[in-house]
Amino acid sequence: MKTISLKLDDEIFLEVEEITRALKVSRNRYISEAVSIYNQVHKRRLLKTQLEKESALTSKDSMGILNEFERQID
């Protein structure tokens, strides 16, 4: 496990304190889970962007192949 130093705006810190108290979890556990969820969100966004780029690259080829099939059928 790694240790990091973290600076939070006062408002965010007070929200964290309020929520961790209500949930009865440590601040460390709460922030670790929050970062984990945030990582999952961004991994999905990055994957979506990658899939959109790859889809755009293959769409031209797919249309060309479809047109070729249609010509052969006719």
Protein backbone atom coordinates (compact mmCIF):
# COMPACT_ATOMS: atom_id res chain seq x y z
CA MET A 1 0.00 0.00 0.00
CA LYS A 2 1.27 3.46 -0.91
CA THR A 3 1.01 6.62 1.15
CA ILE A 4 0.12 9.91 -0.51
CA SER A 5 -0.33 13.45 0.68
CA LEU A 6 -3.59 15.07 -0.33
CA LYS A 7 -4.77 18.67 -0.18
CA LEU A 8 -8.51 19.26 -0.25
CA ASP A 9 -10.55 22.42 -0.30
CA ASP A 10 -12.05 23.08 3.12
CA GLU A 11 -15.59 22.52 1.84
CA ILE A 12 -14.73 19.13 0.35
CA PHE A 13 -12.89 18.11 3.51
CA LEU A 14 -15.88 19.00 5.69
CA GLU A 15 -18.17 16.96 3.41
CA VAL A 16 -15.81 14.00 3.66
CA GLU A 17 -15.76 14.28 7.45
CA GLU A 18 -19.55 14.47 7.62
CA ILE A 19 -20.07 11.48 5.33
CA THR A 20 -17.41 9.27 6.90
CA ARG A 21 -18.90 9.94 10.31
CA ALA A 22 -22.39 9.02 9.06
CA LEU A 23 -21.12 5.87 7.29
CA LYS A 24 -18.80 4.96 10.17
CA VAL A 25 -15.86 4.37 7.84
CA SER A 26 -12.36 5.77 8.03
CA ARG A 27 -11.43 8.77 5.95
CA ASN A 28 -8.71 6.69 4.31
CA ARG A 29 -11.15 3.91 3.31
CA TYR A 30 -13.67 6.44 2.01
CA ILE A 31 -11.12 8.29 -0.14
CA SER A 32 -9.63 5.01 -1.42
CA GLU A 33 -13.07 3.82 -2.53
CA ALA A 34 -13.80 7.19 -4.12
CA VAL A 35 -10.57 7.09 -6.13
CA SER A 36 -11.31 3.51 -7.19
CA ILE A 37 -14.77 4.48 -8.48
CA TYR A 38 -13.32 7.55 -10.22
CA ASN A 39 -10.72 5.31 -11.92
CA GLN A 40 -13.47 2.99 -13.19
CA VAL A 41 -15.39 5.94 -14.65
CA HIS A 42 -12.34 7.20 -16.49
CA LYS A 43 -11.34 3.75 -17.73
CA ARG A 44 -14.80 3.44 -19.31
CA ARG A 45 -14.52 6.90 -20.87
CA LEU A 46 -11.09 6.07 -22.29
CA LEU A 47 -12.40 2.76 -23.65
CA LYS A 48 -15.38 4.52 -25.23
CA THR A 49 -13.08 7.03 -26.92
CA GLN A 50 -10.82 4.24 -28.18
CA LEU A 51 -13.77 2.25 -29.53
CA GLU A 52 -15.17 5.33 -31.29
CA LYS A 53 -11.81 5.96 -32.98
CA GLU A 54 -11.44 2.33 -34.05
CA SER A 55 -15.03 2.20 -35.25
CA ALA A 56 -14.45 5.27 -37.40
CA LEU A 57 -11.33 3.67 -38.87
CA THR A 58 -13.12 0.44 -39.77
CA SER A 59 -16.37 1.97 -41.00
CA LYS A 60 -14.85 2.94 -44.35
CA ASP A 61 -13.53 -0.57 -44.88
CA SER A 62 -16.85 -2.08 -43.84
CA MET A 63 -18.77 0.07 -46.30
CA GLY A 64 -16.34 -0.88 -49.06
CA ILE A 65 -16.78 -4.57 -48.34
CA LEU A 66 -20.56 -4.20 -48.20
CA ASN A 67 -20.58 -2.40 -51.56
CA GLU A 68 -18.39 -5.13 -53.08
CA PHE A 69 -20.78 -7.83 -51.86
CA GLU A 70 -23.75 -5.92 -53.29
CA ARG A 71 -22.01 -5.67 -56.69
CA GLN A 72 -21.33 -9.39 -56.72
CA ILE A 73 -24.93 -10.20 -55.85
CA ASP A 74 -26.25 -8.01 -58.68
